[in-house]
């Protein structure tokens, strides 16, 4: 029986073929879900490779990789925003991976053309509505959020949130600077409540009628409806309607091998496992994200599974990120 050892901020856990007892892989993860650890344990049980886990915010993990340089202990880094992981790749922090398994498991739109990172799960930036204040049919696209009819009814998360930055970058790739500047002006003019620090608080505000409409990652609402945060939040989740915009902006969580990994072979094995149908479903299922392929079977994703991703690539999200932040700032998105 393989042992799984827990240490303060490190989680040694133990994939495909059995390994020597001393083998390990060290993970820096921007995901903060205890359920991920069960997937790491399955990997360890199958391979004998221990997983040592450090969790922190994505931006701090990237800075840590930069400061550690050749002395880093990281083998795998996992981040939850497409632009952030692509920017880290462009900064030379990752080692390219050659893997037929990854090419098979990860659709081309969700992996780096240069094989520096690979998607694990998908998340849709969705629109939520209080149907007593706003008709869901009036906000079937992100552009409609700027309609003058929504004056004083829109709630948004703060500008520094990477999910909103990627949404604006997505719109820049689709529509260009002039249209996005106009859209942002109308959107921010419609905001009356202070900008929110998190998606859950925003959902509560919409449910209670402080706002008529908001923008959130779909899985926050699914988790509330599943009762993850308790009965009160479950009721709030059921009080709002969700709209999957047509087309929808899809973001990802993704993994890469650290440029200076000391255990590259094991790092590739872990990423192959996490992106496999078994691994991707194992990570996405408990958090109500979507796996790389298919949409899962949770009843709490009802009304969320029929969506069409837009044509914007992950690389474009990264490229337009600086301009997105600049335009958001100019528009008064706080």
Protein backbone atom coordinates (compact mmCIF):
# COMPACT_ATOMS: atom_id res chain seq x y z
CA UNK A 1 0.00 0.00 0.00
CA UNK A 2 1.48 3.32 -1.08
CA UNK A 3 1.42 6.02 1.61
CA UNK A 4 0.26 9.58 0.97
CA UNK A 5 2.08 12.03 3.20
CA UNK A 6 0.73 15.47 4.06
CA UNK A 7 3.10 18.28 5.02
CA UNK A 8 2.01 21.83 5.92
CA UNK A 9 2.01 23.57 2.52
CA UNK A 10 3.21 20.52 0.62
CA UNK A 11 1.03 17.61 -0.37
CA UNK A 12 2.96 14.50 -1.29
CA UNK A 13 0.54 12.32 -3.14
CA UNK A 14 1.31 9.44 -5.34
CA UNK A 15 0.25 7.08 -12.52
CA UNK A 16 0.49 4.92 -15.57
CA UNK A 17 3.37 2.49 -14.84
CA UNK A 18 4.69 1.85 -11.32
CA UNK A 19 7.68 3.98 -10.38
CA UNK A 20 10.41 3.76 -7.81
CA UNK A 21 9.29 4.73 -4.31
CA UNK A 22 11.62 7.74 -4.33
CA UNK A 23 10.15 9.26 -7.49
CA UNK A 24 8.11 12.43 -7.20
CA UNK A 25 6.76 15.45 -9.05
CA UNK A 26 6.37 18.91 -7.54
CA UNK A 27 3.38 21.03 -8.52
CA UNK A 28 2.83 24.77 -8.19
CA UNK A 29 -0.94 25.21 -8.56
CA UNK A 30 -3.15 28.26 -8.85
CA UNK A 31 -6.19 26.02 -8.36
CA UNK A 32 -7.54 25.87 -4.81
CA UNK A 33 -9.84 22.86 -4.71
CA UNK A 34 -9.40 20.03 -2.24
CA UNK A 35 -11.04 17.72 -4.78
CA UNK A 36 -7.99 18.11 -7.07
CA UNK A 37 -6.00 16.22 -4.47
CA UNK A 38 -8.08 13.13 -5.03
CA UNK A 39 -7.04 13.17 -8.69
CA UNK A 40 -3.39 13.53 -7.69
CA UNK A 41 -3.84 10.56 -5.37
CA UNK A 42 -5.19 8.44 -8.24
CA UNK A 43 -2.11 9.39 -10.24
CA UNK A 44 0.14 8.37 -7.36
CA UNK A 45 -1.72 5.12 -6.77
CA UNK A 46 -1.32 4.16 -10.42
CA UNK A 47 2.31 5.14 -10.83
CA UNK A 48 3.94 5.25 -7.41
CA UNK A 49 5.02 8.83 -8.12
CA UNK A 50 4.44 11.16 -5.20
CA UNK A 51 2.89 14.55 -5.90
CA UNK A 52 4.11 17.41 -3.76
CA UNK A 53 1.74 20.35 -4.02
CA UNK A 54 2.10 24.05 -3.31
CA UNK A 55 -1.00 26.19 -3.82
CA UNK A 56 -0.98 29.98 -4.16
CA UNK A 57 -2.41 32.70 -6.38
CA UNK A 58 -1.44 32.40 -10.03
CA UNK A 59 0.40 35.70 -10.15
CA UNK A 60 2.48 34.86 -7.09
CA UNK A 61 3.40 31.45 -8.52
CA UNK A 62 4.60 33.04 -11.75
CA UNK A 63 6.67 35.55 -9.80
CA UNK A 64 8.06 32.73 -7.69
CA UNK A 65 9.14 30.81 -10.79
CA UNK A 66 10.87 33.92 -12.12
CA UNK A 67 12.69 34.62 -8.87
CA UNK A 68 13.73 31.00 -8.28
CA UNK A 69 15.11 30.55 -11.78
CA UNK A 70 17.34 27.50 -12.06
CA UNK A 71 16.89 26.84 -8.34
CA UNK A 72 13.16 26.23 -8.58
CA UNK A 73 11.74 23.02 -7.17
CA UNK A 74 8.69 23.21 -9.40
CA UNK A 75 8.15 20.53 -12.03
CA UNK A 76 4.59 21.37 -13.07
CA UNK A 77 2.76 24.68 -12.89
CA UNK A 78 -1.04 24.88 -13.14
CA UNK A 79 -2.79 28.20 -13.73
CA UNK A 80 -6.46 29.10 -14.13
CA UNK A 81 -6.37 31.76 -16.83
CA UNK A 82 -5.37 31.31 -20.45
CA UNK A 83 -3.66 34.68 -20.86
CA UNK A 84 -1.65 34.24 -17.69
CA UNK A 85 -0.26 30.83 -18.62
CA UNK A 86 0.52 31.98 -22.17
CA UNK A 87 2.30 35.08 -20.86
CA UNK A 88 4.34 32.86 -18.55
CA UNK A 89 5.25 30.68 -21.52
CA UNK A 90 6.35 33.74 -23.48
CA UNK A 91 8.52 34.72 -20.53
CA UNK A 92 10.49 31.50 -21.03
CA UNK A 93 9.31 29.78 -17.83
CA UNK A 94 8.20 26.50 -19.42
CA UNK A 95 9.84 23.61 -21.25
CA UNK A 96 8.14 22.37 -24.46
CA UNK A 97 6.57 18.92 -24.27
CA UNK A 98 6.53 16.36 -27.05
CA UNK A 99 3.71 13.93 -26.28
CA UNK A 100 1.39 12.06 -28.63
CA UNK A 101 -0.88 11.42 -25.64
CA UNK A 102 -1.35 15.14 -25.05
CA UNK A 103 -1.92 15.81 -28.73
CA UNK A 104 -4.70 13.22 -28.64
CA UNK A 105 -6.30 14.31 -25.36
CA UNK A 106 -6.17 18.09 -25.71
CA UNK A 107 -8.03 19.74 -28.61
CA UNK A 108 -5.73 22.01 -30.59
CA UNK A 109 -7.58 25.18 -29.57
CA UNK A 110 -6.83 24.42 -25.92
CA UNK A 111 -3.08 23.81 -26.22
CA UNK A 112 -0.10 25.92 -27.13
CA UNK A 113 1.00 25.61 -30.80
CA UNK A 114 4.56 25.36 -29.47
CA UNK A 115 3.64 22.65 -26.92
CA UNK A 116 4.54 24.76 -23.89
CA UNK A 117 1.20 24.33 -22.07
CA UNK A 118 -1.89 22.14 -22.27
CA UNK A 119 -5.47 22.73 -21.14
CA UNK A 120 -7.05 20.71 -18.35
CA UNK A 121 -10.57 22.13 -17.85
CA UNK A 122 -12.86 24.70 -19.48
CA UNK A 123 -14.93 27.49 -17.92
CA UNK A 124 -17.45 29.79 -19.62
CA UNK A 125 -17.80 33.48 -18.75
CA UNK A 126 -21.59 33.53 -18.51
CA UNK A 127 -24.29 36.14 -17.91
CA UNK A 128 -26.60 35.81 -14.90
CA UNK A 129 -29.94 37.56 -14.61
CA UNK A 130 -32.53 38.41 -11.97
CA UNK A 131 -35.62 37.66 -14.09
CA UNK A 132 -37.79 40.02 -12.04
CA UNK A 133 -35.60 42.91 -13.21
CA UNK A 134 -34.19 41.92 -16.59
CA UNK A 135 -35.46 39.59 -19.31
CA UNK A 136 -32.88 36.87 -20.07
CA UNK A 137 -33.70 37.18 -23.77
CA UNK A 138 -32.44 40.78 -23.72
CA UNK A 139 -28.86 39.79 -22.82
CA UNK A 140 -27.99 36.95 -25.15
CA UNK A 141 -24.59 38.45 -25.96
CA UNK A 142 -21.89 40.35 -24.10
CA UNK A 143 -22.50 43.38 -26.34
CA UNK A 144 -26.07 43.73 -25.04
CA UNK A 145 -24.73 44.40 -21.53
CA UNK A 146 -23.93 47.92 -22.74
CA UNK A 147 -27.55 48.65 -23.69
CA UNK A 148 -28.90 51.90 -22.18
CA UNK A 149 -31.92 49.89 -21.00
CA UNK A 150 -29.65 48.32 -18.35
CA UNK A 151 -28.63 51.64 -16.80
CA UNK A 152 -28.01 51.06 -13.08
CA UNK A 153 -28.64 47.32 -13.34
CA UNK A 154 -25.22 45.84 -14.17
CA UNK A 155 -22.82 44.37 -11.59
CA UNK A 156 -19.22 43.52 -12.44
CA UNK A 157 -16.22 42.01 -10.72
CA UNK A 158 -13.18 44.27 -10.24
CA UNK A 159 -10.91 45.19 -13.13
CA UNK A 160 -7.94 43.28 -11.71
CA UNK A 161 -9.83 39.99 -12.05
CA UNK A 162 -8.10 37.95 -14.76
CA UNK A 163 -11.37 36.42 -15.99
CA UNK A 164 -12.75 39.85 -16.88
CA UNK A 165 -9.45 40.88 -18.43
CA UNK A 166 -9.60 37.82 -20.67
CA UNK A 167 -13.22 38.56 -21.54
CA UNK A 168 -12.29 42.04 -22.72
CA UNK A 169 -9.26 40.65 -24.58
CA UNK A 170 -11.63 38.17 -26.21
CA UNK A 171 -13.88 41.00 -27.38
CA UNK A 172 -10.88 42.91 -28.72
CA UNK A 173 -9.87 39.92 -30.81
CA UNK A 174 -13.39 39.65 -32.19
CA UNK A 175 -14.42 43.27 -32.61
CA UNK A 176 -11.39 45.56 -32.56
CA UNK A 177 -10.42 48.53 -30.41
CA UNK A 178 -13.02 51.08 -31.52
CA UNK A 179 -16.02 48.82 -30.91
CA UNK A 180 -14.66 47.59 -27.58
CA UNK A 181 -14.04 51.15 -26.36
CA UNK A 182 -17.66 51.99 -27.13
CA UNK A 183 -18.85 48.76 -25.49
CA UNK A 184 -16.82 49.39 -22.33
CA UNK A 185 -18.16 52.92 -22.06
CA UNK A 186 -21.75 51.69 -22.21
CA UNK A 187 -21.02 48.76 -19.90
CA UNK A 188 -19.38 50.81 -17.15
CA UNK A 189 -22.09 53.48 -17.46
CA UNK A 190 -24.60 50.78 -16.55
CA UNK A 191 -22.84 49.89 -13.29
CA UNK A 192 -24.36 51.31 -10.08
CA UNK A 193 -23.10 48.99 -7.34
CA UNK A 194 -19.43 48.95 -6.26
CA UNK A 195 -17.29 46.50 -8.21
CA UNK A 196 -17.20 43.07 -6.58
CA UNK A 197 -14.22 41.12 -5.30
CA UNK A 198 -15.61 37.72 -6.27
CA UNK A 199 -18.18 35.97 -8.44
CA UNK A 200 -20.11 34.50 -5.49
CA UNK A 201 -20.77 37.89 -3.94
CA UNK A 202 -21.89 39.15 -7.34
CA UNK A 203 -24.34 36.25 -7.73
CA UNK A 204 -25.80 37.01 -4.30
CA UNK A 205 -26.27 40.65 -5.29
CA UNK A 206 -28.12 39.73 -8.48
CA UNK A 207 -30.29 37.23 -6.64
CA UNK A 208 -31.26 39.85 -4.05
CA UNK A 209 -32.08 42.49 -6.64
CA UNK A 210 -29.15 44.79 -5.97
CA UNK A 211 -28.37 44.28 -9.66
CA UNK A 212 -30.37 42.95 -12.54
CA UNK A 213 -27.52 41.30 -14.43
CA UNK A 214 -23.89 40.28 -13.96
CA UNK A 215 -21.02 38.33 -15.51
CA UNK A 216 -19.53 35.27 -13.77
CA UNK A 217 -17.79 31.99 -14.48
CA UNK A 218 -20.50 29.38 -14.90
CA UNK A 219 -19.21 26.97 -12.27
CA UNK A 220 -19.62 29.44 -9.39
CA UNK A 221 -23.37 29.37 -9.99
CA UNK A 222 -23.42 25.58 -10.41
CA UNK A 223 -21.61 25.14 -7.09
CA UNK A 224 -24.09 27.40 -5.32
CA UNK A 225 -27.01 25.47 -6.81
CA UNK A 226 -25.41 22.24 -5.63
CA UNK A 227 -25.41 23.54 -2.07
CA UNK A 228 -21.62 23.67 -1.74
CA UNK A 229 -21.88 26.97 0.17
CA UNK A 230 -24.98 26.09 2.19
CA UNK A 231 -28.75 26.33 1.84
CA UNK A 232 -28.95 30.13 1.72
CA UNK A 233 -26.56 30.38 -1.21
CA UNK A 234 -28.32 27.43 -2.85
CA UNK A 235 -31.54 29.44 -2.80
CA UNK A 236 -29.74 32.48 -4.22
CA UNK A 237 -28.35 30.30 -7.01
CA UNK A 238 -31.79 29.02 -7.88
CA UNK A 239 -33.23 32.54 -7.91
CA UNK A 240 -31.13 33.67 -10.89
CA UNK A 241 -31.20 32.61 -14.51
CA UNK A 242 -28.07 31.92 -16.54
CA UNK A 243 -27.42 32.87 -20.15
CA UNK A 244 -24.63 31.24 -22.13
CA UNK A 245 -23.75 34.02 -24.60
CA UNK A 246 -23.79 33.27 -28.30
CA UNK A 247 -20.95 32.77 -28.98
CA UNK A 248 -19.35 32.22 -25.59
CA UNK A 249 -15.95 33.21 -24.25
CA UNK A 250 -14.30 30.03 -22.96
CA UNK A 251 -11.31 30.21 -20.64
CA UNK A 252 -9.24 27.28 -19.36
CA UNK A 253 -7.09 26.00 -16.57
CA UNK A 254 -3.86 24.64 -17.99
CA UNK A 255 -0.62 22.93 -17.04
CA UNK A 256 3.00 23.25 -18.13
CA UNK A 257 6.39 21.77 -17.28
CA UNK A 258 8.76 24.14 -15.52
CA UNK A 259 11.79 25.06 -17.65
CA UNK A 260 14.12 23.97 -14.87
CA UNK A 261 12.18 20.91 -13.72
CA UNK A 262 14.32 18.26 -12.02
CA UNK A 263 11.70 15.58 -12.76
CA UNK A 264 10.59 16.31 -16.33
CA UNK A 265 9.68 12.72 -17.16
CA UNK A 266 7.33 12.51 -14.18
CA UNK A 267 6.02 16.01 -14.89
CA UNK A 268 4.96 14.97 -18.39
CA UNK A 269 3.34 11.83 -16.99
CA UNK A 270 1.29 13.91 -14.56
CA UNK A 271 0.11 16.36 -17.22
CA UNK A 272 -0.77 13.46 -19.52
CA UNK A 273 -2.89 12.00 -16.74
CA UNK A 274 -4.59 15.28 -15.81
CA UNK A 275 -5.51 16.03 -19.43
CA UNK A 276 -6.69 12.50 -20.20
CA UNK A 277 -10.47 11.90 -20.27
CA UNK A 278 -10.21 10.31 -16.81
CA UNK A 279 -8.08 13.08 -15.35
CA UNK A 280 -9.89 16.04 -16.94
CA UNK A 281 -13.29 14.69 -15.87
CA UNK A 282 -11.90 13.99 -12.40
CA UNK A 283 -10.75 17.57 -11.96
CA UNK A 284 -13.72 19.26 -13.64
CA UNK A 285 -16.54 17.15 -12.19
CA UNK A 286 -16.38 18.11 -8.49
CA UNK A 287 -15.79 21.79 -9.31
CA UNK A 288 -18.55 21.96 -11.96
CA UNK A 289 -16.15 23.06 -14.67
CA UNK A 290 -16.32 21.45 -18.09
CA UNK A 291 -13.77 18.79 -19.03
CA UNK A 292 -11.76 19.27 -22.20
CA UNK A 293 -14.22 17.18 -24.16
CA UNK A 294 -17.90 16.80 -23.38
CA UNK A 295 -19.73 18.70 -20.65
CA UNK A 296 -20.00 16.24 -17.77
CA UNK A 297 -23.22 14.88 -16.36
CA UNK A 298 -24.02 17.03 -13.32
CA UNK A 299 -27.66 18.05 -12.95
CA UNK A 300 -26.45 21.33 -11.47
CA UNK A 301 -25.04 22.30 -14.86
CA UNK A 302 -28.55 22.29 -16.28
CA UNK A 303 -28.99 25.18 -18.66
CA UNK A 304 -25.24 25.67 -18.96
CA UNK A 305 -24.08 22.85 -21.21
CA UNK A 306 -25.33 24.16 -24.57
CA UNK A 307 -22.84 26.75 -25.67
CA UNK A 308 -20.76 27.52 -28.74
CA UNK A 309 -17.20 28.75 -28.10
CA UNK A 310 -16.18 31.78 -30.11
CA UNK A 311 -13.22 31.57 -32.50
CA UNK A 312 -10.68 33.45 -30.36
CA UNK A 313 -7.50 31.51 -29.60
CA UNK A 314 -5.72 31.36 -26.26
CA UNK A 315 -2.72 33.10 -27.82
CA UNK A 316 -4.96 36.01 -28.83
CA UNK A 317 -6.25 36.34 -25.27
CA UNK A 318 -2.65 36.70 -24.16
CA UNK A 319 -1.74 39.15 -26.92
CA UNK A 320 -4.67 41.47 -26.25
CA UNK A 321 -4.40 41.33 -22.45
CA UNK A 322 -2.34 44.54 -22.00
CA UNK A 323 -4.67 46.52 -24.25
CA UNK A 324 -7.69 45.07 -22.45
CA UNK A 325 -6.40 46.31 -19.09
CA UNK A 326 -5.63 49.75 -20.54
CA UNK A 327 -9.08 50.15 -22.07
CA UNK A 328 -10.82 48.89 -18.93
CA UNK A 329 -8.92 51.48 -16.90
CA UNK A 330 -9.75 54.27 -19.34
CA UNK A 331 -13.44 53.30 -19.23
CA UNK A 332 -13.52 53.59 -15.44
CA UNK A 333 -13.78 49.88 -14.70
CA UNK A 334 -12.55 49.94 -11.10
